[in-house]
Amino acid sequence: MHILSVSTSQLLDLWDELHSAMQGENGYGGDVIEFYFYRLMPSNPWVWNNPNSEHADEDYYFAACNLHAICRLFEGKHNVDITFEDGSNIDALLDKDNLNRHRTHLKVAHREEAQN
């Protein structure tokens, strides 16, 4: 698992959004949040001057890894599943060859109780 490297404020802001989606009350789409990757990037003014530079890839990957780690922590704590809005697995966030540089939509769904 990726080791989190974000500020407390960054973590809490995302946690609050995931929590509101878990309750079906997120302002974007009920159980879906719209997340912009820059929100978990390290403070690096150079990236904003040249966001298409290959050097910016590391900062976007850093943000994607942190997003993934926070989502997995949230899932474990709240017995929910977090997927992309289309239902696909968020492990794709860790794919350096398909790096997202803008935003993503994440859906938070309660896990169904195991039936005996």
PDB file of N, CA and C in Angstrom:
ATOM      1  N   MET A   1       0.843  -1.184   0.000  1.00  0.00           N
ATOM      2  CA  MET A   1       0.000   0.000   0.000  1.00  0.00           C
ATOM      3  C   MET A   1       0.881   1.238   0.000  1.00  0.00           C
ATOM      4  N   HIS A   2       0.447   2.238  -0.704  1.00  0.00           N
ATOM      5  CA  HIS A   2       1.143   3.511  -0.775  1.00  0.00           C
ATOM      6  C   HIS A   2       1.127   4.206   0.580  1.00  0.00           C
ATOM      7  N   ILE A   3       2.207   4.806   0.950  1.00  0.00           N
ATOM      8  CA  ILE A   3       2.267   5.564   2.204  1.00  0.00           C
ATOM      9  C   ILE A   3       1.746   6.964   1.928  1.00  0.00           C
ATOM     10  N   LEU A   4       0.768   7.373   2.707  1.00  0.00           N
ATOM     11  CA  LEU A   4       0.182   8.697   2.521  1.00  0.00           C
ATOM     12  C   LEU A   4       1.204   9.791   2.774  1.00  0.00           C
ATOM     13  N   SER A   5       1.158  10.777   1.920  1.00  0.00           N
ATOM     14  CA  SER A   5       2.020  11.927   2.086  1.00  0.00           C
ATOM     15  C   SER A   5       1.224  13.171   1.689  1.00  0.00           C
ATOM     16  N   VAL A   6       0.238  13.472   2.515  1.00  0.00           N
ATOM     17  CA  VAL A   6      -0.618  14.631   2.275  1.00  0.00           C
ATOM     18  C   VAL A   6      -0.765  15.401   3.578  1.00  0.00           C
ATOM     19  N   SER A   7      -1.229  16.613   3.463  1.00  0.00           N
ATOM     20  CA  SER A   7      -1.460  17.399   4.667  1.00  0.00           C
ATOM     21  C   SER A   7      -2.742  16.923   5.350  1.00  0.00           C
ATOM     22  N   THR A   8      -2.865  17.253   6.610  1.00  0.00           N
ATOM     23  CA  THR A   8      -4.080  16.915   7.352  1.00  0.00           C
ATOM     24  C   THR A   8      -5.295  17.541   6.688  1.00  0.00           C
ATOM     25  N   SER A   9      -5.161  18.765   6.231  1.00  0.00           N
ATOM     26  CA  SER A   9      -6.269  19.457   5.574  1.00  0.00           C
ATOM     27  C   SER A   9      -6.684  18.749   4.284  1.00  0.00           C
ATOM     28  N   GLN A  10      -5.704  18.329   3.483  1.00  0.00           N
ATOM     29  CA  GLN A  10      -6.019  17.608   2.248  1.00  0.00           C
ATOM     30  C   GLN A  10      -6.760  16.309   2.564  1.00  0.00           C
ATOM     31  N   LEU A  11      -6.279  15.586   3.551  1.00  0.00           N
ATOM     32  CA  LEU A  11      -6.905  14.322   3.939  1.00  0.00           C
ATOM     33  C   LEU A  11      -8.336  14.539   4.420  1.00  0.00           C
ATOM     34  N   LEU A  12      -8.530  15.493   5.308  1.00  0.00           N
ATOM     35  CA  LEU A  12      -9.859  15.728   5.868  1.00  0.00           C
ATOM     36  C   LEU A  12     -10.853  16.233   4.828  1.00  0.00           C
ATOM     37  N   ASP A  13     -10.390  17.061   3.912  1.00  0.00           N
ATOM     38  CA  ASP A  13     -11.292  17.551   2.858  1.00  0.00           C
ATOM     39  C   ASP A  13     -11.823  16.400   2.011  1.00  0.00           C
ATOM     40  N   LEU A  14     -10.936  15.499   1.602  1.00  0.00           N
ATOM     41  CA  LEU A  14     -11.368  14.356   0.809  1.00  0.00           C
ATOM     42  C   LEU A  14     -12.230  13.414   1.647  1.00  0.00           C
ATOM     43  N   TRP A  15     -11.821  13.170   2.880  1.00  0.00           N
ATOM     44  CA  TRP A  15     -12.585  12.285   3.776  1.00  0.00           C
ATOM     45  C   TRP A  15     -14.016  12.791   3.933  1.00  0.00           C
ATOM     46  N   ASP A  16     -14.174  14.105   4.127  1.00  0.00           N
ATOM     47  CA  ASP A  16     -15.511  14.690   4.255  1.00  0.00           C
ATOM     48  C   ASP A  16     -16.351  14.473   2.995  1.00  0.00           C
ATOM     49  N   GLU A  17     -15.731  14.622   1.828  1.00  0.00           N
ATOM     50  CA  GLU A  17     -16.466  14.398   0.581  1.00  0.00           C
ATOM     51  C   GLU A  17     -16.894  12.949   0.435  1.00  0.00           C
ATOM     52  N   LEU A  18     -15.987  12.030   0.761  1.00  0.00           N
ATOM     53  CA  LEU A  18     -16.327  10.615   0.685  1.00  0.00           C
ATOM     54  C   LEU A  18     -17.454  10.284   1.670  1.00  0.00           C
ATOM     55  N   HIS A  19     -17.392  10.889   2.838  1.00  0.00           N
ATOM     56  CA  HIS A  19     -18.426  10.654   3.849  1.00  0.00           C
ATOM     57  C   HIS A  19     -19.784  11.164   3.363  1.00  0.00           C
ATOM     58  N   SER A  20     -19.806  12.327   2.755  1.00  0.00           N
ATOM     59  CA  SER A  20     -21.084  12.853   2.251  1.00  0.00           C
ATOM     60  C   SER A  20     -21.623  11.963   1.132  1.00  0.00           C
ATOM     61  N   ALA A  21     -20.737  11.420   0.294  1.00  0.00           N
ATOM     62  CA  ALA A  21     -21.178  10.498  -0.759  1.00  0.00           C
ATOM     63  C   ALA A  21     -21.692   9.194  -0.158  1.00  0.00           C
ATOM     64  N   MET A  22     -21.047   8.730   0.909  1.00  0.00           N
ATOM     65  CA  MET A  22     -21.494   7.518   1.582  1.00  0.00           C
ATOM     66  C   MET A  22     -22.927   7.697   2.084  1.00  0.00           C
ATOM     67  N   GLN A  23     -23.273   8.903   2.482  1.00  0.00           N
ATOM     68  CA  GLN A  23     -24.619   9.203   2.967  1.00  0.00           C
ATOM     69  C   GLN A  23     -25.577   9.591   1.832  1.00  0.00           C
ATOM     70  N   GLY A  24     -25.049   9.621   0.598  1.00  0.00           N
ATOM     71  CA  GLY A  24     -25.872   9.979  -0.550  1.00  0.00           C
ATOM     72  C   GLY A  24     -26.170  11.458  -0.649  1.00  0.00           C
ATOM     73  N   GLU A  25     -25.342  12.273  -0.008  1.00  0.00           N
ATOM     74  CA  GLU A  25     -25.608  13.710   0.091  1.00  0.00           C
ATOM     75  C   GLU A  25     -24.517  14.583  -0.507  1.00  0.00           C
ATOM     76  N   ASN A  26     -23.661  14.031  -1.356  1.00  0.00           N
ATOM     77  CA  ASN A  26     -22.598  14.853  -1.923  1.00  0.00           C
ATOM     78  C   ASN A  26     -23.183  15.855  -2.906  1.00  0.00           C
ATOM     79  N   GLY A  27     -22.682  17.062  -2.858  1.00  0.00           N
ATOM     80  CA  GLY A  27     -23.195  18.131  -3.697  1.00  0.00           C
ATOM     81  C   GLY A  27     -23.016  17.887  -5.185  1.00  0.00           C
ATOM     82  N   TYR A  28     -22.032  17.081  -5.573  1.00  0.00           N
ATOM     83  CA  TYR A  28     -21.831  16.811  -6.996  1.00  0.00           C
ATOM     84  C   TYR A  28     -22.884  15.848  -7.521  1.00  0.00           C
ATOM     85  N   GLY A  29     -23.050  14.714  -6.832  1.00  0.00           N
ATOM     86  CA  GLY A  29     -23.957  13.722  -7.385  1.00  0.00           C
ATOM     87  C   GLY A  29     -24.458  12.694  -6.399  1.00  0.00           C
ATOM     88  N   GLY A  30     -24.826  13.124  -5.218  1.00  0.00           N
ATOM     89  CA  GLY A  30     -25.360  12.184  -4.236  1.00  0.00           C
ATOM     90  C   GLY A  30     -24.296  11.243  -3.720  1.00  0.00           C
ATOM     91  N   ASP A  31     -24.187  10.049  -4.341  1.00  0.00           N
ATOM     92  CA  ASP A  31     -23.190   9.075  -3.899  1.00  0.00           C
ATOM     93  C   ASP A  31     -21.915   9.123  -4.735  1.00  0.00           C
ATOM     94  N   VAL A  32     -21.760  10.173  -5.541  1.00  0.00           N
ATOM     95  CA  VAL A  32     -20.587  10.350  -6.408  1.00  0.00           C
ATOM     96  C   VAL A  32     -19.917  11.672  -6.093  1.00  0.00           C
ATOM     97  N   ILE A  33     -18.573  11.628  -5.993  1.00  0.00           N
ATOM     98  CA  ILE A  33     -17.822  12.874  -5.840  1.00  0.00           C
ATOM     99  C   ILE A  33     -17.070  13.164  -7.135  1.00  0.00           C
ATOM    100  N   GLU A  34     -16.840  14.423  -7.386  1.00  0.00           N
ATOM    101  CA  GLU A  34     -15.971  14.852  -8.476  1.00  0.00           C
ATOM    102  C   GLU A  34     -14.678  15.314  -7.827  1.00  0.00           C
ATOM    103  N   PHE A  35     -13.572  14.638  -8.158  1.00  0.00           N
ATOM    104  CA  PHE A  35     -12.310  14.934  -7.496  1.00  0.00           C
ATOM    105  C   PHE A  35     -11.276  15.429  -8.500  1.00  0.00           C
ATOM    106  N   TYR A  36     -10.672  16.584  -8.199  1.00  0.00           N
ATOM    107  CA  TYR A  36      -9.621  17.160  -9.028  1.00  0.00           C
ATOM    108  C   TYR A  36      -8.259  16.783  -8.437  1.00  0.00           C
ATOM    109  N   PHE A  37      -7.402  16.206  -9.260  1.00  0.00           N
ATOM    110  CA  PHE A  37      -6.129  15.669  -8.790  1.00  0.00           C
ATOM    111  C   PHE A  37      -5.210  16.714  -8.173  1.00  0.00           C
ATOM    112  N   TYR A  38      -5.266  17.940  -8.626  1.00  0.00           N
ATOM    113  CA  TYR A  38      -4.380  18.964  -8.064  1.00  0.00           C
ATOM    114  C   TYR A  38      -4.568  19.103  -6.557  1.00  0.00           C
ATOM    115  N   ARG A  39      -5.724  18.692  -6.048  1.00  0.00           N
ATOM    116  CA  ARG A  39      -6.011  18.847  -4.618  1.00  0.00           C
ATOM    117  C   ARG A  39      -5.117  17.986  -3.730  1.00  0.00           C
ATOM    118  N   LEU A  40      -4.518  16.927  -4.276  1.00  0.00           N
ATOM    119  CA  LEU A  40      -3.618  16.085  -3.489  1.00  0.00           C
ATOM    120  C   LEU A  40      -2.179  16.150  -3.977  1.00  0.00           C
ATOM    121  N   MET A  41      -1.897  17.137  -4.806  1.00  0.00           N
ATOM    122  CA  MET A  41      -0.529  17.289  -5.292  1.00  0.00           C
ATOM    123  C   MET A  41       0.296  18.052  -4.269  1.00  0.00           C
ATOM    124  N   PRO A  42       1.590  17.777  -4.252  1.00  0.00           N
ATOM    125  CA  PRO A  42       2.454  18.586  -3.386  1.00  0.00           C
ATOM    126  C   PRO A  42       2.473  20.015  -3.910  1.00  0.00           C
ATOM    127  N   SER A  43       2.765  20.928  -3.045  1.00  0.00           N
ATOM    128  CA  SER A  43       2.847  22.317  -3.470  1.00  0.00           C
ATOM    129  C   SER A  43       4.070  22.477  -4.377  1.00  0.00           C
ATOM    130  N   ASN A  44       3.801  22.722  -5.647  1.00  0.00           N
ATOM    131  CA  ASN A  44       4.881  22.841  -6.614  1.00  0.00           C
ATOM    132  C   ASN A  44       4.459  23.839  -7.682  1.00  0.00           C
ATOM    133  N   PRO A  45       4.743  25.118  -7.484  1.00  0.00           N
ATOM    134  CA  PRO A  45       4.302  26.138  -8.438  1.00  0.00           C
ATOM    135  C   PRO A  45       4.811  25.895  -9.855  1.00  0.00           C
ATOM    136  N   TRP A  46       5.948  25.222  -9.994  1.00  0.00           N
ATOM    137  CA  TRP A  46       6.490  24.968 -11.322  1.00  0.00           C
ATOM    138  C   TRP A  46       5.525  24.151 -12.172  1.00  0.00           C
ATOM    139  N   VAL A  47       4.842  23.188 -11.559  1.00  0.00           N
ATOM    140  CA  VAL A  47       3.915  22.334 -12.293  1.00  0.00           C
ATOM    141  C   VAL A  47       2.831  23.169 -12.950  1.00  0.00           C
ATOM    142  N   TRP A  48       2.358  24.181 -12.247  1.00  0.00           N
ATOM    143  CA  TRP A  48       1.264  24.987 -12.797  1.00  0.00           C
ATOM    144  C   TRP A  48       1.720  25.864 -13.947  1.00  0.00           C
ATOM    145  N   ASN A  49       3.017  26.152 -14.021  1.00  0.00           N
ATOM    146  CA  ASN A  49       3.547  26.921 -15.149  1.00  0.00           C
ATOM    147  C   ASN A  49       3.683  26.062 -16.399  1.00  0.00           C
ATOM    148  N   ASN A  50       3.835  24.754 -16.215  1.00  0.00           N
ATOM    149  CA  ASN A  50       4.006  23.862 -17.353  1.00  0.00           C
ATOM    150  C   ASN A  50       3.382  22.499 -17.030  1.00  0.00           C
ATOM    151  N   PRO A  51       2.050  22.412 -16.980  1.00  0.00           N
ATOM    152  CA  PRO A  51       1.390  21.181 -16.552  1.00  0.00           C
ATOM    153  C   PRO A  51       1.569  20.005 -17.506  1.00  0.00           C
ATOM    154  N   ASN A  52       2.033  20.230 -18.724  1.00  0.00           N
ATOM    155  CA  ASN A  52       2.216  19.129 -19.671  1.00  0.00           C
ATOM    156  C   ASN A  52       3.643  18.608 -19.698  1.00  0.00           C
ATOM    157  N   SER A  53       4.476  19.121 -18.850  1.00  0.00           N
ATOM    158  CA  SER A  53       5.853  18.649 -18.777  1.00  0.00           C
ATOM    159  C   SER A  53       5.887  17.224 -18.239  1.00  0.00           C
ATOM    160  N   GLU A  54       6.832  16.439 -18.719  1.00  0.00           N
ATOM    161  CA  GLU A  54       6.978  15.074 -18.206  1.00  0.00           C
ATOM    162  C   GLU A  54       7.364  15.091 -16.731  1.00  0.00           C
ATOM    163  N   HIS A  55       7.949  16.166 -16.248  1.00  0.00           N
ATOM    164  CA  HIS A  55       8.294  16.261 -14.835  1.00  0.00           C
ATOM    165  C   HIS A  55       7.049  16.373 -13.959  1.00  0.00           C
ATOM    166  N   ALA A  56       5.974  16.877 -14.527  1.00  0.00           N
ATOM    167  CA  ALA A  56       4.722  16.994 -13.782  1.00  0.00           C
ATOM    168  C   ALA A  56       4.093  15.621 -13.546  1.00  0.00           C
ATOM    169  N   ASP A  57       4.465  14.629 -14.359  1.00  0.00           N
ATOM    170  CA  ASP A  57       3.895  13.290 -14.207  1.00  0.00           C
ATOM    171  C   ASP A  57       4.068  12.756 -12.794  1.00  0.00           C
ATOM    172  N   GLU A  58       5.201  12.974 -12.199  1.00  0.00           N
ATOM    173  CA  GLU A  58       5.440  12.471 -10.846  1.00  0.00           C
ATOM    174  C   GLU A  58       4.483  13.099  -9.839  1.00  0.00           C
ATOM    175  N   ASP A  59       4.186  14.378  -9.997  1.00  0.00           N
ATOM    176  CA  ASP A  59       3.253  15.036  -9.085  1.00  0.00           C
ATOM    177  C   ASP A  59       1.823  14.521  -9.277  1.00  0.00           C
ATOM    178  N   TYR A  60       1.425  14.276 -10.522  1.00  0.00           N
ATOM    179  CA  TYR A  60       0.095  13.722 -10.763  1.00  0.00           C
ATOM    180  C   TYR A  60       0.016  12.277 -10.270  1.00  0.00           C
ATOM    181  N   TYR A  61       1.082  11.524 -10.454  1.00  0.00           N
ATOM    182  CA  TYR A  61       1.091  10.148  -9.960  1.00  0.00           C
ATOM    183  C   TYR A  61       1.050  10.127  -8.432  1.00  0.00           C
ATOM    184  N   PHE A  62       1.779  11.026  -7.812  1.00  0.00           N
ATOM    185  CA  PHE A  62       1.762  11.200  -6.357  1.00  0.00           C
ATOM    186  C   PHE A  62       0.323  11.430  -5.882  1.00  0.00           C
ATOM    187  N   ALA A  63      -0.397  12.317  -6.565  1.00  0.00           N
ATOM    188  CA  ALA A  63      -1.786  12.612  -6.202  1.00  0.00           C
ATOM    189  C   ALA A  63      -2.680  11.392  -6.397  1.00  0.00           C
ATOM    190  N   ALA A  64      -2.497  10.675  -7.495  1.00  0.00           N
ATOM    191  CA  ALA A  64      -3.315   9.493  -7.769  1.00  0.00           C
ATOM    192  C   ALA A  64      -3.074   8.404  -6.725  1.00  0.00           C
ATOM    193  N   CYS A  65      -1.812   8.207  -6.349  1.00  0.00           N
ATOM    194  CA  CYS A  65      -1.496   7.199  -5.324  1.00  0.00           C
ATOM    195  C   CYS A  65      -2.107   7.572  -3.980  1.00  0.00           C
ATOM    196  N   ASN A  66      -2.041   8.827  -3.631  1.00  0.00           N
ATOM    197  CA  ASN A  66      -2.639   9.275  -2.374  1.00  0.00           C
ATOM    198  C   ASN A  66      -4.161   9.150  -2.408  1.00  0.00           C
ATOM    199  N   LEU A  67      -4.771   9.473  -3.532  1.00  0.00           N
ATOM    200  CA  LEU A  67      -6.220   9.314  -3.672  1.00  0.00           C
ATOM    201  C   LEU A  67      -6.592   7.845  -3.484  1.00  0.00           C
ATOM    202  N   HIS A  68      -5.866   6.969  -4.118  1.00  0.00           N
ATOM    203  CA  HIS A  68      -6.122   5.533  -4.006  1.00  0.00           C
ATOM    204  C   HIS A  68      -5.998   5.075  -2.553  1.00  0.00           C
ATOM    205  N   ALA A  69      -4.917   5.477  -1.895  1.00  0.00           N
ATOM    206  CA  ALA A  69      -4.684   5.057  -0.504  1.00  0.00           C
ATOM    207  C   ALA A  69      -5.779   5.568   0.425  1.00  0.00           C
ATOM    208  N   ILE A  70      -6.190   6.803   0.270  1.00  0.00           N
ATOM    209  CA  ILE A  70      -7.237   7.365   1.121  1.00  0.00           C
ATOM    210  C   ILE A  70      -8.559   6.635   0.880  1.00  0.00           C
ATOM    211  N   CYS A  71      -8.855   6.358  -0.374  1.00  0.00           N
ATOM    212  CA  CYS A  71     -10.092   5.626  -0.679  1.00  0.00           C
ATOM    213  C   CYS A  71     -10.074   4.241  -0.054  1.00  0.00           C
ATOM    214  N   ARG A  72      -8.957   3.547  -0.124  1.00  0.00           N
ATOM    215  CA  ARG A  72      -8.879   2.201   0.464  1.00  0.00           C
ATOM    216  C   ARG A  72      -9.005   2.267   1.987  1.00  0.00           C
ATOM    217  N   LEU A  73      -8.426   3.269   2.612  1.00  0.00           N
ATOM    218  CA  LEU A  73      -8.592   3.440   4.055  1.00  0.00           C
ATOM    219  C   LEU A  73     -10.052   3.705   4.408  1.00  0.00           C
ATOM    220  N   PHE A  74     -10.693   4.547   3.630  1.00  0.00           N
ATOM    221  CA  PHE A  74     -12.099   4.879   3.864  1.00  0.00           C
ATOM    222  C   PHE A  74     -12.976   3.637   3.712  1.00  0.00           C
ATOM    223  N   GLU A  75     -12.692   2.836   2.685  1.00  0.00           N
ATOM    224  CA  GLU A  75     -13.461   1.607   2.475  1.00  0.00           C
ATOM    225  C   GLU A  75     -13.381   0.697   3.696  1.00  0.00           C
ATOM    226  N   GLY A  76     -12.184   0.514   4.214  1.00  0.00           N
ATOM    227  CA  GLY A  76     -11.998  -0.355   5.363  1.00  0.00           C
ATOM    228  C   GLY A  76     -12.681   0.154   6.617  1.00  0.00           C
ATOM    229  N   LYS A  77     -12.678   1.436   6.787  1.00  0.00           N
ATOM    230  CA  LYS A  77     -13.271   2.039   7.983  1.00  0.00           C
ATOM    231  C   LYS A  77     -14.797   2.031   7.955  1.00  0.00           C
ATOM    232  N   HIS A  78     -15.372   2.145   6.765  1.00  0.00           N
ATOM    233  CA  HIS A  78     -16.821   2.353   6.661  1.00  0.00           C
ATOM    234  C   HIS A  78     -17.588   1.235   5.967  1.00  0.00           C
ATOM    235  N   ASN A  79     -16.918   0.142   5.630  1.00  0.00           N
ATOM    236  CA  ASN A  79     -17.586  -0.992   4.987  1.00  0.00           C
ATOM    237  C   ASN A  79     -18.326  -0.570   3.718  1.00  0.00           C
ATOM    238  N   VAL A  80     -17.613   0.158   2.864  1.00  0.00           N
ATOM    239  CA  VAL A  80     -18.147   0.608   1.580  1.00  0.00           C
ATOM    240  C   VAL A  80     -17.181   0.196   0.476  1.00  0.00           C
ATOM    241  N   ASP A  81     -17.646   0.302  -0.746  1.00  0.00           N
ATOM    242  CA  ASP A  81     -16.791   0.113  -1.916  1.00  0.00           C
ATOM    243  C   ASP A  81     -16.729   1.432  -2.660  1.00  0.00           C
ATOM    244  N   ILE A  82     -15.530   1.802  -3.062  1.00  0.00           N
ATOM    245  CA  ILE A  82     -15.346   3.007  -3.864  1.00  0.00           C
ATOM    246  C   ILE A  82     -14.865   2.565  -5.232  1.00  0.00           C
ATOM    247  N   THR A  83     -15.600   2.975  -6.251  1.00  0.00           N
ATOM    248  CA  THR A  83     -15.270   2.652  -7.642  1.00  0.00           C
ATOM    249  C   THR A  83     -15.298   3.941  -8.447  1.00  0.00           C
ATOM    250  N   PHE A  84     -14.840   3.848  -9.685  1.00  0.00           N
ATOM    251  CA  PHE A  84     -15.099   4.954 -10.586  1.00  0.00           C
ATOM    252  C   PHE A  84     -16.600   4.992 -10.826  1.00  0.00           C
ATOM    253  N   GLU A  85     -17.103   6.101 -11.277  1.00  0.00           N
ATOM    254  CA  GLU A  85     -18.542   6.264 -11.459  1.00  0.00           C
ATOM    255  C   GLU A  85     -19.136   5.173 -12.355  1.00  0.00           C
ATOM    256  N   ASP A  86     -18.352   4.680 -13.309  1.00  0.00           N
ATOM    257  CA  ASP A  86     -18.847   3.634 -14.208  1.00  0.00           C
ATOM    258  C   ASP A  86     -18.767   2.233 -13.595  1.00  0.00           C
ATOM    259  N   GLY A  87     -18.315   2.145 -12.334  1.00  0.00           N
ATOM    260  CA  GLY A  87     -18.243   0.870 -11.641  1.00  0.00           C
ATOM    261  C   GLY A  87     -16.909   0.162 -11.745  1.00  0.00           C
ATOM    262  N   SER A  88     -15.965   0.720 -12.486  1.00  0.00           N
ATOM    263  CA  SER A  88     -14.670   0.058 -12.642  1.00  0.00           C
ATOM    264  C   SER A  88     -13.780   0.286 -11.413  1.00  0.00           C
ATOM    265  N   ASN A  89     -12.799  -0.561 -11.275  1.00  0.00           N
ATOM    266  CA  ASN A  89     -11.921  -0.608 -10.109  1.00  0.00           C
ATOM    267  C   ASN A  89     -10.968   0.584 -10.062  1.00  0.00           C
ATOM    268  N   ILE A  90     -10.841   1.180  -8.884  1.00  0.00           N
ATOM    269  CA  ILE A  90      -9.959   2.349  -8.740  1.00  0.00           C
ATOM    270  C   ILE A  90      -8.482   1.985  -8.725  1.00  0.00           C
ATOM    271  N   ASP A  91      -8.140   0.699  -8.786  1.00  0.00           N
ATOM    272  CA  ASP A  91      -6.727   0.334  -8.879  1.00  0.00           C
ATOM    273  C   ASP A  91      -6.087   0.911 -10.138  1.00  0.00           C
ATOM    274  N   ALA A  92      -6.906   1.280 -11.114  1.00  0.00           N
ATOM    275  CA  ALA A  92      -6.388   1.919 -12.328  1.00  0.00           C
ATOM    276  C   ALA A  92      -5.701   3.250 -12.019  1.00  0.00           C
ATOM    277  N   LEU A  93      -5.995   3.843 -10.870  1.00  0.00           N
ATOM    278  CA  LEU A  93      -5.309   5.078 -10.473  1.00  0.00           C
ATOM    279  C   LEU A  93      -3.801   4.878 -10.376  1.00  0.00           C
ATOM    280  N   LEU A  94      -3.371   3.645 -10.122  1.00  0.00           N
ATOM    281  CA  LEU A  94      -1.959   3.350  -9.915  1.00  0.00           C
ATOM    282  C   LEU A  94      -1.208   3.052 -11.209  1.00  0.00           C
ATOM    283  N   ASP A  95      -1.869   3.173 -12.340  1.00  0.00           N
ATOM    284  CA  ASP A  95      -1.268   2.888 -13.642  1.00  0.00           C
ATOM    285  C   ASP A  95      -0.541   4.126 -14.164  1.00  0.00           C
ATOM    286  N   LYS A  96       0.788   4.102 -14.108  1.00  0.00           N
ATOM    287  CA  LYS A  96       1.573   5.250 -14.567  1.00  0.00           C
ATOM    288  C   LYS A  96       1.452   5.489 -16.069  1.00  0.00           C
ATOM    289  N   ASP A  97       1.103   4.444 -16.816  1.00  0.00           N
ATOM    290  CA  ASP A  97       0.997   4.576 -18.267  1.00  0.00           C
ATOM    291  C   ASP A  97      -0.309   5.215 -18.714  1.00  0.00           C
ATOM    292  N   ASN A  98      -1.256   5.330 -17.806  1.00  0.00           N
ATOM    293  CA  ASN A  98      -2.550   5.928 -18.129  1.00  0.00           C
ATOM    294  C   ASN A  98      -2.880   6.973 -17.070  1.00  0.00           C
ATOM    295  N   LEU A  99      -2.002   7.940 -16.936  1.00  0.00           N
ATOM    296  CA  LEU A  99      -2.072   8.915 -15.862  1.00  0.00           C
ATOM    297  C   LEU A  99      -3.144   9.972 -16.105  1.00  0.00           C
ATOM    298  N   ASN A 100      -4.025  10.138 -15.127  1.00  0.00           N
ATOM    299  CA  ASN A 100      -5.059  11.154 -15.202  1.00  0.00           C
ATOM    300  C   ASN A 100      -4.462  12.480 -14.731  1.00  0.00           C
ATOM    301  N   ARG A 101      -4.672  13.516 -15.491  1.00  0.00           N
ATOM    302  CA  ARG A 101      -4.119  14.826 -15.160  1.00  0.00           C
ATOM    303  C   ARG A 101      -5.193  15.849 -14.802  1.00  0.00           C
ATOM    304  N   HIS A 102      -6.397  15.423 -14.618  1.00  0.00           N
ATOM    305  CA  HIS A 102      -7.435  16.430 -14.413  1.00  0.00           C
ATOM    306  C   HIS A 102      -8.367  16.064 -13.252  1.00  0.00           C
ATOM    307  N   ARG A 103      -9.380  15.267 -13.528  1.00  0.00           N
ATOM    308  CA  ARG A 103     -10.357  14.940 -12.487  1.00  0.00           C
ATOM    309  C   ARG A 103     -10.912  13.538 -12.713  1.00  0.00           C
ATOM    310  N   THR A 104     -11.595  13.067 -11.694  1.00  0.00           N
ATOM    311  CA  THR A 104     -12.261  11.783 -11.788  1.00  0.00           C
ATOM    312  C   THR A 104     -13.544  11.822 -10.967  1.00  0.00           C
ATOM    313  N   HIS A 105     -14.426  10.898 -11.252  1.00  0.00           N
ATOM    314  CA  HIS A 105     -15.677  10.766 -10.501  1.00  0.00           C
ATOM    315  C   HIS A 105     -15.645   9.431  -9.782  1.00  0.00           C
ATOM    316  N   LEU A 106     -15.846   9.484  -8.469  1.00  0.00           N
ATOM    317  CA  LEU A 106     -15.798   8.281  -7.635  1.00  0.00           C
ATOM    318  C   LEU A 106     -17.142   8.056  -6.963  1.00  0.00           C
ATOM    319  N   LYS A 107     -17.586   6.804  -7.023  1.00  0.00           N
ATOM    320  CA  LYS A 107     -18.866   6.423  -6.423  1.00  0.00           C
ATOM    321  C   LYS A 107     -18.608   5.654  -5.133  1.00  0.00           C
ATOM    322  N   VAL A 108     -19.352   5.990  -4.090  1.00  0.00           N
ATOM    323  CA  VAL A 108     -19.249   5.316  -2.793  1.00  0.00           C
ATOM    324  C   VAL A 108     -20.536   4.526  -2.580  1.00  0.00           C
ATOM    325  N   ALA A 109     -20.401   3.202  -2.437  1.00  0.00           N
ATOM    326  CA  ALA A 109     -21.577   2.336  -2.274  1.00  0.00           C
ATOM    327  C   ALA A 109     -21.404   1.456  -1.049  1.00  0.00           C
ATOM    328  N   HIS A 110     -22.474   1.311  -0.289  1.00  0.00           N
ATOM    329  CA  HIS A 110     -22.465   0.428   0.871  1.00  0.00           C
ATOM    330  C   HIS A 110     -22.326  -1.020   0.408  1.00  0.00           C
ATOM    331  N   ARG A 111     -21.523  -1.787   1.126  1.00  0.00           N
ATOM    332  CA  ARG A 111     -21.408  -3.218   0.837  1.00  0.00           C
ATOM    333  C   ARG A 111     -22.645  -3.923   1.364  1.00  0.00           C
ATOM    334  N   GLU A 112     -23.082  -4.888   0.617  1.00  0.00           N
ATOM    335  CA  GLU A 112     -24.247  -5.659   1.070  1.00  0.00           C
ATOM    336  C   GLU A 112     -23.791  -6.655   2.122  1.00  0.00           C
ATOM    337  N   GLU A 113     -24.612  -6.805   3.125  1.00  0.00           N
ATOM    338  CA  GLU A 113     -24.336  -7.755   4.192  1.00  0.00           C
ATOM    339  C   GLU A 113     -24.287  -9.173   3.614  1.00  0.00           C
ATOM    340  N   ALA A 114     -23.330  -9.954   4.069  1.00  0.00           N
ATOM    341  CA  ALA A 114     -23.256 -11.348   3.627  1.00  0.00           C
ATOM    342  C   ALA A 114     -24.488 -12.095   4.140  1.00  0.00           C
ATOM    343  N   GLN A 115     -25.106 -12.823   3.251  1.00  0.00           N
ATOM    344  CA  GLN A 115     -26.313 -13.559   3.645  1.00  0.00           C
ATOM    345  C   GLN A 115     -25.951 -15.004   3.903  1.00  0.00           C
ATOM    346  N   ASN A 116     -26.469 -15.552   4.983  1.00  0.00           N
ATOM    347  CA  ASN A 116     -26.208 -16.951   5.340  1.00  0.00           C
ATOM    348  C   ASN A 116     -27.339 -17.841   4.911  1.00  0.00           C
TER     349      ASN A 116
END
